[in-house]
Amino acid sequence: MLLTRARIAVFVDGCFWHSCPEHGTTPSANRTWWAEKLAANVRRDRATDEHLLELGWLVLRFWEHDDPGIAADLVVDAWRRRLPRLSPAAVVAGARAETIGSGS
């Protein structure tokens, strides 16, 4: 999800596809291929993070097993810190507009 006005990129990474240290696994069939595939996903994630940071974006990443309420609170807190001039009502309205505009 992108909150463009605040320049915040939010990712929810799947434990399998992004090699969660707590829940990630490597299939036993074609183990070498899968190990490289999953490692490439992680490298791409880090490269994406670096690129967005260089462009002035804040990157927030959560695991699929993270508590959604806590994740949402962290996103709202980041939004408010990055857009301090807006009232909370304007922040919520802006987030809704951006979400609706993204086709989600």
PDB file of N, CA and C in Angstrom:
ATOM      1  N   MET A   1       0.849  -1.153   0.000  1.00  0.00           N
ATOM      2  CA  MET A   1       0.000   0.000   0.000  1.00  0.00           C
ATOM      3  C   MET A   1       0.903   1.227   0.000  1.00  0.00           C
ATOM      4  N   LEU A   2       0.542   2.215  -0.798  1.00  0.00           N
ATOM      5  CA  LEU A   2       1.292   3.471  -0.838  1.00  0.00           C
ATOM      6  C   LEU A   2       0.439   4.605  -0.315  1.00  0.00           C
ATOM      7  N   LEU A   3       0.989   5.359   0.615  1.00  0.00           N
ATOM      8  CA  LEU A   3       0.371   6.588   1.089  1.00  0.00           C
ATOM      9  C   LEU A   3       1.209   7.698   0.478  1.00  0.00           C
ATOM     10  N   THR A   4       0.799   8.117  -0.705  1.00  0.00           N
ATOM     11  CA  THR A   4       1.658   8.958  -1.538  1.00  0.00           C
ATOM     12  C   THR A   4       1.937  10.333  -0.953  1.00  0.00           C
ATOM     13  N   ARG A   5       0.938  10.955  -0.348  1.00  0.00           N
ATOM     14  CA  ARG A   5       1.164  12.294   0.186  1.00  0.00           C
ATOM     15  C   ARG A   5       2.211  12.266   1.304  1.00  0.00           C
ATOM     16  N   ALA A   6       2.190  11.226   2.113  1.00  0.00           N
ATOM     17  CA  ALA A   6       3.146  11.086   3.214  1.00  0.00           C
ATOM     18  C   ALA A   6       4.418  10.361   2.781  1.00  0.00           C
ATOM     19  N   ARG A   7       4.423   9.816   1.572  1.00  0.00           N
ATOM     20  CA  ARG A   7       5.558   9.045   1.052  1.00  0.00           C
ATOM     21  C   ARG A   7       5.892   7.879   1.970  1.00  0.00           C
ATOM     22  N   ILE A   8       4.870   7.079   2.234  1.00  0.00           N
ATOM     23  CA  ILE A   8       5.012   5.871   3.045  1.00  0.00           C
ATOM     24  C   ILE A   8       4.634   4.674   2.177  1.00  0.00           C
ATOM     25  N   ALA A   9       5.510   3.676   2.148  1.00  0.00           N
ATOM     26  CA  ALA A   9       5.241   2.418   1.453  1.00  0.00           C
ATOM     27  C   ALA A   9       5.073   1.333   2.513  1.00  0.00           C
ATOM     28  N   VAL A  10       3.950   0.629   2.461  1.00  0.00           N
ATOM     29  CA  VAL A  10       3.650  -0.418   3.435  1.00  0.00           C
ATOM     30  C   VAL A  10       3.630  -1.760   2.711  1.00  0.00           C
ATOM     31  N   PHE A  11       4.386  -2.698   3.232  1.00  0.00           N
ATOM     32  CA  PHE A  11       4.439  -4.047   2.677  1.00  0.00           C
ATOM     33  C   PHE A  11       4.002  -5.034   3.748  1.00  0.00           C
ATOM     34  N   VAL A  12       3.231  -6.038   3.367  1.00  0.00           N
ATOM     35  CA  VAL A  12       2.919  -7.159   4.244  1.00  0.00           C
ATOM     36  C   VAL A  12       3.515  -8.379   3.560  1.00  0.00           C
ATOM     37  N   ASP A  13       4.622  -8.857   4.126  1.00  0.00           N
ATOM     38  CA  ASP A  13       5.376  -9.945   3.511  1.00  0.00           C
ATOM     39  C   ASP A  13       4.889 -11.308   4.004  1.00  0.00           C
ATOM     40  N   GLY A  14       4.718 -12.225   3.071  1.00  0.00           N
ATOM     41  CA  GLY A  14       4.359 -13.594   3.416  1.00  0.00           C
ATOM     42  C   GLY A  14       5.565 -14.329   3.981  1.00  0.00           C
ATOM     43  N   CYS A  15       5.321 -15.145   4.999  1.00  0.00           N
ATOM     44  CA  CYS A  15       6.418 -15.838   5.684  1.00  0.00           C
ATOM     45  C   CYS A  15       7.201 -16.753   4.732  1.00  0.00           C
ATOM     46  N   PHE A  16       6.513 -17.468   3.889  1.00  0.00           N
ATOM     47  CA  PHE A  16       7.210 -18.368   2.968  1.00  0.00           C
ATOM     48  C   PHE A  16       7.996 -17.585   1.925  1.00  0.00           C
ATOM     49  N   TRP A  17       7.337 -16.689   1.210  1.00  0.00           N
ATOM     50  CA  TRP A  17       7.950 -16.012   0.065  1.00  0.00           C
ATOM     51  C   TRP A  17       9.058 -15.037   0.436  1.00  0.00           C
ATOM     52  N   HIS A  18       9.053 -14.563   1.667  1.00  0.00           N
ATOM     53  CA  HIS A  18      10.045 -13.554   2.064  1.00  0.00           C
ATOM     54  C   HIS A  18      10.957 -14.054   3.179  1.00  0.00           C
ATOM     55  N   SER A  19      10.952 -15.360   3.422  1.00  0.00           N
ATOM     56  CA  SER A  19      11.882 -16.034   4.344  1.00  0.00           C
ATOM     57  C   SER A  19      11.823 -15.498   5.768  1.00  0.00           C
ATOM     58  N   CYS A  20      10.646 -15.513   6.333  1.00  0.00           N
ATOM     59  CA  CYS A  20      10.463 -15.107   7.728  1.00  0.00           C
ATOM     60  C   CYS A  20      11.394 -15.925   8.622  1.00  0.00           C
ATOM     61  N   PRO A  21      12.168 -15.251   9.492  1.00  0.00           N
ATOM     62  CA  PRO A  21      13.073 -15.995  10.370  1.00  0.00           C
ATOM     63  C   PRO A  21      12.330 -16.880  11.371  1.00  0.00           C
ATOM     64  N   GLU A  22      11.071 -16.578  11.616  1.00  0.00           N
ATOM     65  CA  GLU A  22      10.291 -17.346  12.579  1.00  0.00           C
ATOM     66  C   GLU A  22       9.519 -18.493  11.920  1.00  0.00           C
ATOM     67  N   HIS A  23       8.964 -18.257  10.724  1.00  0.00           N
ATOM     68  CA  HIS A  23       8.088 -19.244  10.093  1.00  0.00           C
ATOM     69  C   HIS A  23       8.519 -19.681   8.697  1.00  0.00           C
ATOM     70  N   GLY A  24       9.552 -19.071   8.154  1.00  0.00           N
ATOM     71  CA  GLY A  24       9.968 -19.406   6.792  1.00  0.00           C
ATOM     72  C   GLY A  24      10.478 -20.833   6.687  1.00  0.00           C
ATOM     73  N   THR A  25      10.184 -21.451   5.567  1.00  0.00           N
ATOM     74  CA  THR A  25      10.645 -22.821   5.306  1.00  0.00           C
ATOM     75  C   THR A  25      11.180 -22.899   3.884  1.00  0.00           C
ATOM     76  N   THR A  26      11.961 -23.933   3.625  1.00  0.00           N
ATOM     77  CA  THR A  26      12.428 -24.220   2.273  1.00  0.00           C
ATOM     78  C   THR A  26      11.917 -25.606   1.910  1.00  0.00           C
ATOM     79  N   PRO A  27      11.201 -25.736   0.800  1.00  0.00           N
ATOM     80  CA  PRO A  27      10.700 -27.054   0.409  1.00  0.00           C
ATOM     81  C   PRO A  27      11.836 -28.052   0.224  1.00  0.00           C
ATOM     82  N   SER A  28      11.558 -29.313   0.487  1.00  0.00           N
ATOM     83  CA  SER A  28      12.600 -30.338   0.339  1.00  0.00           C
ATOM     84  C   SER A  28      12.808 -30.721  -1.125  1.00  0.00           C
ATOM     85  N   ALA A  29      11.753 -30.650  -1.940  1.00  0.00           N
ATOM     86  CA  ALA A  29      11.920 -30.934  -3.369  1.00  0.00           C
ATOM     87  C   ALA A  29      12.536 -29.700  -4.032  1.00  0.00           C
ATOM     88  N   ASN A  30      13.519 -29.915  -4.889  1.00  0.00           N
ATOM     89  CA  ASN A  30      14.215 -28.827  -5.586  1.00  0.00           C
ATOM     90  C   ASN A  30      14.784 -27.799  -4.592  1.00  0.00           C
ATOM     91  N   ARG A  31      15.353 -28.269  -3.504  1.00  0.00           N
ATOM     92  CA  ARG A  31      15.816 -27.441  -2.406  1.00  0.00           C
ATOM     93  C   ARG A  31      16.749 -26.325  -2.869  1.00  0.00           C
ATOM     94  N   THR A  32      17.694 -26.618  -3.721  1.00  0.00           N
ATOM     95  CA  THR A  32      18.648 -25.610  -4.175  1.00  0.00           C
ATOM     96  C   THR A  32      17.948 -24.501  -4.946  1.00  0.00           C
ATOM     97  N   TRP A  33      17.054 -24.883  -5.852  1.00  0.00           N
ATOM     98  CA  TRP A  33      16.317 -23.891  -6.628  1.00  0.00           C
ATOM     99  C   TRP A  33      15.506 -22.994  -5.716  1.00  0.00           C
ATOM    100  N   TRP A  34      14.761 -23.599  -4.775  1.00  0.00           N
ATOM    101  CA  TRP A  34      13.931 -22.817  -3.862  1.00  0.00           C
ATOM    102  C   TRP A  34      14.771 -21.916  -2.968  1.00  0.00           C
ATOM    103  N   ALA A  35      15.890 -22.417  -2.488  1.00  0.00           N
ATOM    104  CA  ALA A  35      16.748 -21.601  -1.616  1.00  0.00           C
ATOM    105  C   ALA A  35      17.193 -20.343  -2.358  1.00  0.00           C
ATOM    106  N   GLU A  36      17.590 -20.491  -3.615  1.00  0.00           N
ATOM    107  CA  GLU A  36      18.024 -19.331  -4.398  1.00  0.00           C
ATOM    108  C   GLU A  36      16.846 -18.410  -4.704  1.00  0.00           C
ATOM    109  N   LYS A  37      15.695 -18.987  -5.049  1.00  0.00           N
ATOM    110  CA  LYS A  37      14.500 -18.195  -5.337  1.00  0.00           C
ATOM    111  C   LYS A  37      14.114 -17.336  -4.128  1.00  0.00           C
ATOM    112  N   LEU A  38      14.074 -17.936  -2.959  1.00  0.00           N
ATOM    113  CA  LEU A  38      13.683 -17.205  -1.750  1.00  0.00           C
ATOM    114  C   LEU A  38      14.745 -16.172  -1.359  1.00  0.00           C
ATOM    115  N   ALA A  39      16.018 -16.520  -1.522  1.00  0.00           N
ATOM    116  CA  ALA A  39      17.095 -15.558  -1.234  1.00  0.00           C
ATOM    117  C   ALA A  39      17.007 -14.367  -2.188  1.00  0.00           C
ATOM    118  N   ALA A  40      16.657 -14.628  -3.451  1.00  0.00           N
ATOM    119  CA  ALA A  40      16.505 -13.538  -4.424  1.00  0.00           C
ATOM    120  C   ALA A  40      15.340 -12.627  -4.028  1.00  0.00           C
ATOM    121  N   ASN A  41      14.265 -13.199  -3.513  1.00  0.00           N
ATOM    122  CA  ASN A  41      13.141 -12.380  -3.041  1.00  0.00           C
ATOM    123  C   ASN A  41      13.596 -11.439  -1.927  1.00  0.00           C
ATOM    124  N   VAL A  42      14.361 -11.955  -0.991  1.00  0.00           N
ATOM    125  CA  VAL A  42      14.846 -11.136   0.124  1.00  0.00           C
ATOM    126  C   VAL A  42      15.785 -10.046  -0.386  1.00  0.00           C
ATOM    127  N   ARG A  43      16.669 -10.393  -1.318  1.00  0.00           N
ATOM    128  CA  ARG A  43      17.570  -9.376  -1.900  1.00  0.00           C
ATOM    129  C   ARG A  43      16.768  -8.286  -2.608  1.00  0.00           C
ATOM    130  N   ARG A  44      15.733  -8.680  -3.341  1.00  0.00           N
ATOM    131  CA  ARG A  44      14.886  -7.704  -4.017  1.00  0.00           C
ATOM    132  C   ARG A  44      14.160  -6.815  -3.008  1.00  0.00           C
ATOM    133  N   ASP A  45      13.704  -7.401  -1.914  1.00  0.00           N
ATOM    134  CA  ASP A  45      13.066  -6.611  -0.854  1.00  0.00           C
ATOM    135  C   ASP A  45      14.023  -5.551  -0.329  1.00  0.00           C
ATOM    136  N   ARG A  46      15.263  -5.937  -0.025  1.00  0.00           N
ATOM    137  CA  ARG A  46      16.242  -4.976   0.501  1.00  0.00           C
ATOM    138  C   ARG A  46      16.581  -3.904  -0.531  1.00  0.00           C
ATOM    139  N   ALA A  47      16.687  -4.300  -1.801  1.00  0.00           N
ATOM    140  CA  ALA A  47      16.975  -3.324  -2.858  1.00  0.00           C
ATOM    141  C   ALA A  47      15.810  -2.340  -3.002  1.00  0.00           C
ATOM    142  N   THR A  48      14.597  -2.844  -2.909  1.00  0.00           N
ATOM    143  CA  THR A  48      13.411  -1.981  -2.971  1.00  0.00           C
ATOM    144  C   THR A  48      13.412  -1.004  -1.807  1.00  0.00           C
ATOM    145  N   ASP A  49      13.705  -1.512  -0.606  1.00  0.00           N
ATOM    146  CA  ASP A  49      13.773  -0.644   0.573  1.00  0.00           C
ATOM    147  C   ASP A  49      14.791   0.475   0.361  1.00  0.00           C
ATOM    148  N   GLU A  50      15.976   0.116  -0.078  1.00  0.00           N
ATOM    149  CA  GLU A  50      17.040   1.103  -0.293  1.00  0.00           C
ATOM    150  C   GLU A  50      16.633   2.147  -1.328  1.00  0.00           C
ATOM    151  N   HIS A  51      16.050   1.693  -2.424  1.00  0.00           N
ATOM    152  CA  HIS A  51      15.637   2.604  -3.485  1.00  0.00           C
ATOM    153  C   HIS A  51      14.590   3.603  -2.974  1.00  0.00           C
ATOM    154  N   LEU A  52      13.584   3.091  -2.278  1.00  0.00           N
ATOM    155  CA  LEU A  52      12.540   3.971  -1.756  1.00  0.00           C
ATOM    156  C   LEU A  52      13.107   4.947  -0.722  1.00  0.00           C
ATOM    157  N   LEU A  53      14.000   4.483   0.137  1.00  0.00           N
ATOM    158  CA  LEU A  53      14.630   5.365   1.127  1.00  0.00           C
ATOM    159  C   LEU A  53      15.411   6.481   0.445  1.00  0.00           C
ATOM    160  N   GLU A  54      16.127   6.146  -0.623  1.00  0.00           N
ATOM    161  CA  GLU A  54      16.878   7.154  -1.375  1.00  0.00           C
ATOM    162  C   GLU A  54      15.953   8.211  -1.970  1.00  0.00           C
ATOM    163  N   LEU A  55      14.730   7.826  -2.282  1.00  0.00           N
ATOM    164  CA  LEU A  55      13.750   8.754  -2.850  1.00  0.00           C
ATOM    165  C   LEU A  55      12.965   9.514  -1.769  1.00  0.00           C
ATOM    166  N   GLY A  56      13.304   9.267  -0.512  1.00  0.00           N
ATOM    167  CA  GLY A  56      12.662   9.987   0.580  1.00  0.00           C
ATOM    168  C   GLY A  56      11.407   9.326   1.136  1.00  0.00           C
ATOM    169  N   TRP A  57      11.181   8.081   0.796  1.00  0.00           N
ATOM    170  CA  TRP A  57      10.026   7.354   1.301  1.00  0.00           C
ATOM    171  C   TRP A  57      10.363   6.667   2.619  1.00  0.00           C
ATOM    172  N   LEU A  58       9.352   6.479   3.449  1.00  0.00           N
ATOM    173  CA  LEU A  58       9.451   5.655   4.641  1.00  0.00           C
ATOM    174  C   LEU A  58       8.917   4.285   4.259  1.00  0.00           C
ATOM    175  N   VAL A  59       9.675   3.244   4.562  1.00  0.00           N
ATOM    176  CA  VAL A  59       9.263   1.879   4.241  1.00  0.00           C
ATOM    177  C   VAL A  59       8.874   1.177   5.539  1.00  0.00           C
ATOM    178  N   LEU A  60       7.652   0.669   5.566  1.00  0.00           N
ATOM    179  CA  LEU A  60       7.174  -0.119   6.705  1.00  0.00           C
ATOM    180  C   LEU A  60       6.895  -1.521   6.210  1.00  0.00           C
ATOM    181  N   ARG A  61       7.531  -2.508   6.836  1.00  0.00           N
ATOM    182  CA  ARG A  61       7.316  -3.908   6.456  1.00  0.00           C
ATOM    183  C   ARG A  61       6.773  -4.672   7.652  1.00  0.00           C
ATOM    184  N   PHE A  62       5.778  -5.480   7.374  1.00  0.00           N
ATOM    185  CA  PHE A  62       5.172  -6.327   8.393  1.00  0.00           C
ATOM    186  C   PHE A  62       5.135  -7.750   7.860  1.00  0.00           C
ATOM    187  N   TRP A  63       5.172  -8.717   8.782  1.00  0.00           N
ATOM    188  CA  TRP A  63       5.001 -10.121   8.411  1.00  0.00           C
ATOM    189  C   TRP A  63       3.513 -10.438   8.400  1.00  0.00           C
ATOM    190  N   GLU A  64       3.138 -11.408   7.603  1.00  0.00           N
ATOM    191  CA  GLU A  64       1.734 -11.802   7.523  1.00  0.00           C
ATOM    192  C   GLU A  64       1.170 -12.216   8.877  1.00  0.00           C
ATOM    193  N   HIS A  65       2.017 -12.661   9.795  1.00  0.00           N
ATOM    194  CA  HIS A  65       1.535 -13.107  11.101  1.00  0.00           C
ATOM    195  C   HIS A  65       1.505 -11.979  12.147  1.00  0.00           C
ATOM    196  N   ASP A  66       1.976 -10.791  11.785  1.00  0.00           N
ATOM    197  CA  ASP A  66       1.934  -9.670  12.719  1.00  0.00           C
ATOM    198  C   ASP A  66       0.489  -9.281  13.011  1.00  0.00           C
ATOM    199  N   ASP A  67       0.269  -8.785  14.216  1.00  0.00           N
ATOM    200  CA  ASP A  67      -1.066  -8.348  14.612  1.00  0.00           C
ATOM    201  C   ASP A  67      -1.505  -7.187  13.734  1.00  0.00           C
ATOM    202  N   PRO A  68      -2.624  -7.325  13.006  1.00  0.00           N
ATOM    203  CA  PRO A  68      -3.042  -6.257  12.090  1.00  0.00           C
ATOM    204  C   PRO A  68      -3.369  -4.945  12.800  1.00  0.00           C
ATOM    205  N   GLY A  69      -3.905  -5.011  14.004  1.00  0.00           N
ATOM    206  CA  GLY A  69      -4.214  -3.793  14.747  1.00  0.00           C
ATOM    207  C   GLY A  69      -2.966  -3.017  15.104  1.00  0.00           C
ATOM    208  N   ILE A  70      -1.938  -3.732  15.531  1.00  0.00           N
ATOM    209  CA  ILE A  70      -0.662  -3.078  15.864  1.00  0.00           C
ATOM    210  C   ILE A  70      -0.036  -2.498  14.606  1.00  0.00           C
ATOM    211  N   ALA A  71      -0.065  -3.261  13.516  1.00  0.00           N
ATOM    212  CA  ALA A  71       0.493  -2.766  12.250  1.00  0.00           C
ATOM    213  C   ALA A  71      -0.243  -1.504  11.808  1.00  0.00           C
ATOM    214  N   ALA A  72      -1.560  -1.514  11.899  1.00  0.00           N
ATOM    215  CA  ALA A  72      -2.343  -0.337  11.496  1.00  0.00           C
ATOM    216  C   ALA A  72      -1.995   0.866  12.364  1.00  0.00           C
ATOM    217  N   ASP A  73      -1.841   0.645  13.663  1.00  0.00           N
ATOM    218  CA  ASP A  73      -1.465   1.740  14.563  1.00  0.00           C
ATOM    219  C   ASP A  73      -0.105   2.330  14.175  1.00  0.00           C
ATOM    220  N   LEU A  74       0.839   1.459  13.820  1.00  0.00           N
ATOM    221  CA  LEU A  74       2.164   1.938  13.416  1.00  0.00           C
ATOM    222  C   LEU A  74       2.092   2.759  12.126  1.00  0.00           C
ATOM    223  N   VAL A  75       1.253   2.327  11.198  1.00  0.00           N
ATOM    224  CA  VAL A  75       1.087   3.073   9.945  1.00  0.00           C
ATOM    225  C   VAL A  75       0.476   4.444  10.233  1.00  0.00           C
ATOM    226  N   VAL A  76      -0.558   4.484  11.054  1.00  0.00           N
ATOM    227  CA  VAL A  76      -1.198   5.766  11.389  1.00  0.00           C
ATOM    228  C   VAL A  76      -0.208   6.684  12.102  1.00  0.00           C
ATOM    229  N   ASP A  77       0.571   6.140  13.038  1.00  0.00           N
ATOM    230  CA  ASP A  77       1.573   6.956  13.743  1.00  0.00           C
ATOM    231  C   ASP A  77       2.594   7.531  12.761  1.00  0.00           C
ATOM    232  N   ALA A  78       3.048   6.708  11.829  1.00  0.00           N
ATOM    233  CA  ALA A  78       4.016   7.185  10.831  1.00  0.00           C
ATOM    234  C   ALA A  78       3.388   8.271   9.968  1.00  0.00           C
ATOM    235  N   TRP A  79       2.135   8.066   9.560  1.00  0.00           N
ATOM    236  CA  TRP A  79       1.415   9.054   8.743  1.00  0.00           C
ATOM    237  C   TRP A  79       1.350  10.383   9.469  1.00  0.00           C
ATOM    238  N   ARG A  80       0.978  10.337  10.741  1.00  0.00           N
ATOM    239  CA  ARG A  80       0.845  11.576  11.518  1.00  0.00           C
ATOM    240  C   ARG A  80       2.184  12.285  11.697  1.00  0.00           C
ATOM    241  N   ARG A  81       3.250  11.529  11.890  1.00  0.00           N
ATOM    242  CA  ARG A  81       4.580  12.143  12.024  1.00  0.00           C
ATOM    243  C   ARG A  81       5.026  12.800  10.724  1.00  0.00           C
ATOM    244  N   ARG A  82       4.663  12.201   9.595  1.00  0.00           N
ATOM    245  CA  ARG A  82       5.115  12.732   8.308  1.00  0.00           C
ATOM    246  C   ARG A  82       4.240  13.863   7.793  1.00  0.00           C
ATOM    247  N   LEU A  83       3.017  13.970   8.311  1.00  0.00           N
ATOM    248  CA  LEU A  83       2.108  15.037   7.895  1.00  0.00           C
ATOM    249  C   LEU A  83       1.585  15.775   9.126  1.00  0.00           C
ATOM    250  N   PRO A  84       2.471  16.407   9.881  1.00  0.00           N
ATOM    251  CA  PRO A  84       2.046  17.019  11.149  1.00  0.00           C
ATOM    252  C   PRO A  84       1.112  18.211  10.990  1.00  0.00           C
ATOM    253  N   ARG A  85       1.082  18.839   9.826  1.00  0.00           N
ATOM    254  CA  ARG A  85       0.250  20.035   9.641  1.00  0.00           C
ATOM    255  C   ARG A  85      -1.224  19.697   9.486  1.00  0.00           C
ATOM    256  N   LEU A  86      -1.544  18.444   9.209  1.00  0.00           N
ATOM    257  CA  LEU A  86      -2.935  18.066   8.980  1.00  0.00           C
ATOM    258  C   LEU A  86      -3.601  17.639  10.275  1.00  0.00           C
ATOM    259  N   SER A  87      -4.871  17.921  10.392  1.00  0.00           N
ATOM    260  CA  SER A  87      -5.634  17.451  11.546  1.00  0.00           C
ATOM    261  C   SER A  87      -5.839  15.947  11.417  1.00  0.00           C
ATOM    262  N   PRO A  88      -6.116  15.256  12.539  1.00  0.00           N
ATOM    263  CA  PRO A  88      -6.377  13.808  12.454  1.00  0.00           C
ATOM    264  C   PRO A  88      -7.508  13.470  11.482  1.00  0.00           C
ATOM    265  N   ALA A  89      -8.549  14.288  11.415  1.00  0.00           N
ATOM    266  CA  ALA A  89      -9.651  14.021  10.488  1.00  0.00           C
ATOM    267  C   ALA A  89      -9.177  14.108   9.043  1.00  0.00           C
ATOM    268  N   ALA A  90      -8.322  15.082   8.752  1.00  0.00           N
ATOM    269  CA  ALA A  90      -7.791  15.219   7.393  1.00  0.00           C
ATOM    270  C   ALA A  90      -6.888  14.048   7.054  1.00  0.00           C
ATOM    271  N   VAL A  91      -6.129  13.572   8.038  1.00  0.00           N
ATOM    272  CA  VAL A  91      -5.243  12.428   7.814  1.00  0.00           C
ATOM    273  C   VAL A  91      -6.068  11.203   7.459  1.00  0.00           C
ATOM    274  N   VAL A  92      -7.121  10.927   8.217  1.00  0.00           N
ATOM    275  CA  VAL A  92      -7.969   9.774   7.940  1.00  0.00           C
ATOM    276  C   VAL A  92      -8.640   9.919   6.580  1.00  0.00           C
ATOM    277  N   ALA A  93      -9.174  11.094   6.273  1.00  0.00           N
ATOM    278  CA  ALA A  93      -9.809  11.310   4.975  1.00  0.00           C
ATOM    279  C   ALA A  93      -8.801  11.137   3.847  1.00  0.00           C
ATOM    280  N   GLY A  94      -7.597  11.633   4.024  1.00  0.00           N
ATOM    281  CA  GLY A  94      -6.550  11.487   3.007  1.00  0.00           C
ATOM    282  C   GLY A  94      -6.171  10.042   2.797  1.00  0.00           C
ATOM    283  N   ALA A  95      -6.077   9.281   3.878  1.00  0.00           N
ATOM    284  CA  ALA A  95      -5.746   7.864   3.762  1.00  0.00           C
ATOM    285  C   ALA A  95      -6.841   7.128   3.005  1.00  0.00           C
ATOM    286  N   ARG A  96      -8.091   7.453   3.296  1.00  0.00           N
ATOM    287  CA  ARG A  96      -9.194   6.811   2.583  1.00  0.00           C
ATOM    288  C   ARG A  96      -9.151   7.155   1.100  1.00  0.00           C
ATOM    289  N   ALA A  97      -8.900   8.421   0.786  1.00  0.00           N
ATOM    290  CA  ALA A  97      -8.859   8.843  -0.612  1.00  0.00           C
ATOM    291  C   ALA A  97      -7.729   8.132  -1.348  1.00  0.00           C
ATOM    292  N   GLU A  98      -6.563   8.018  -0.705  1.00  0.00           N
ATOM    293  CA  GLU A  98      -5.438   7.362  -1.360  1.00  0.00           C
ATOM    294  C   GLU A  98      -5.728   5.886  -1.559  1.00  0.00           C
ATOM    295  N   THR A  99      -6.342   5.232  -0.576  1.00  0.00           N
ATOM    296  CA  THR A  99      -6.655   3.821  -0.695  1.00  0.00           C
ATOM    297  C   THR A  99      -7.673   3.607  -1.806  1.00  0.00           C
ATOM    298  N   ILE A 100      -8.701   4.413  -1.848  1.00  0.00           N
ATOM    299  CA  ILE A 100      -9.728   4.297  -2.885  1.00  0.00           C
ATOM    300  C   ILE A 100      -9.115   4.570  -4.256  1.00  0.00           C
ATOM    301  N   GLY A 101      -8.257   5.570  -4.343  1.00  0.00           N
ATOM    302  CA  GLY A 101      -7.632   5.925  -5.612  1.00  0.00           C
ATOM    303  C   GLY A 101      -6.661   4.893  -6.128  1.00  0.00           C
ATOM    304  N   SER A 102      -6.162   4.016  -5.230  1.00  0.00           N
ATOM    305  CA  SER A 102      -5.185   3.005  -5.657  1.00  0.00           C
ATOM    306  C   SER A 102      -5.838   1.798  -6.299  1.00  0.00           C
ATOM    307  N   GLY A 103      -7.173   1.768  -6.277  1.00  0.00           N
ATOM    308  CA  GLY A 103      -7.873   0.630  -6.872  1.00  0.00           C
ATOM    309  C   GLY A 103      -8.011  -0.547  -5.927  1.00  0.00           C
ATOM    310  N   SER A 104      -7.661  -0.344  -4.653  1.00  0.00           N
ATOM    311  CA  SER A 104      -7.769  -1.434  -3.662  1.00  0.00           C
ATOM    312  C   SER A 104      -9.193  -1.611  -3.211  1.00  0.00           C
TER     313      SER A 104
END
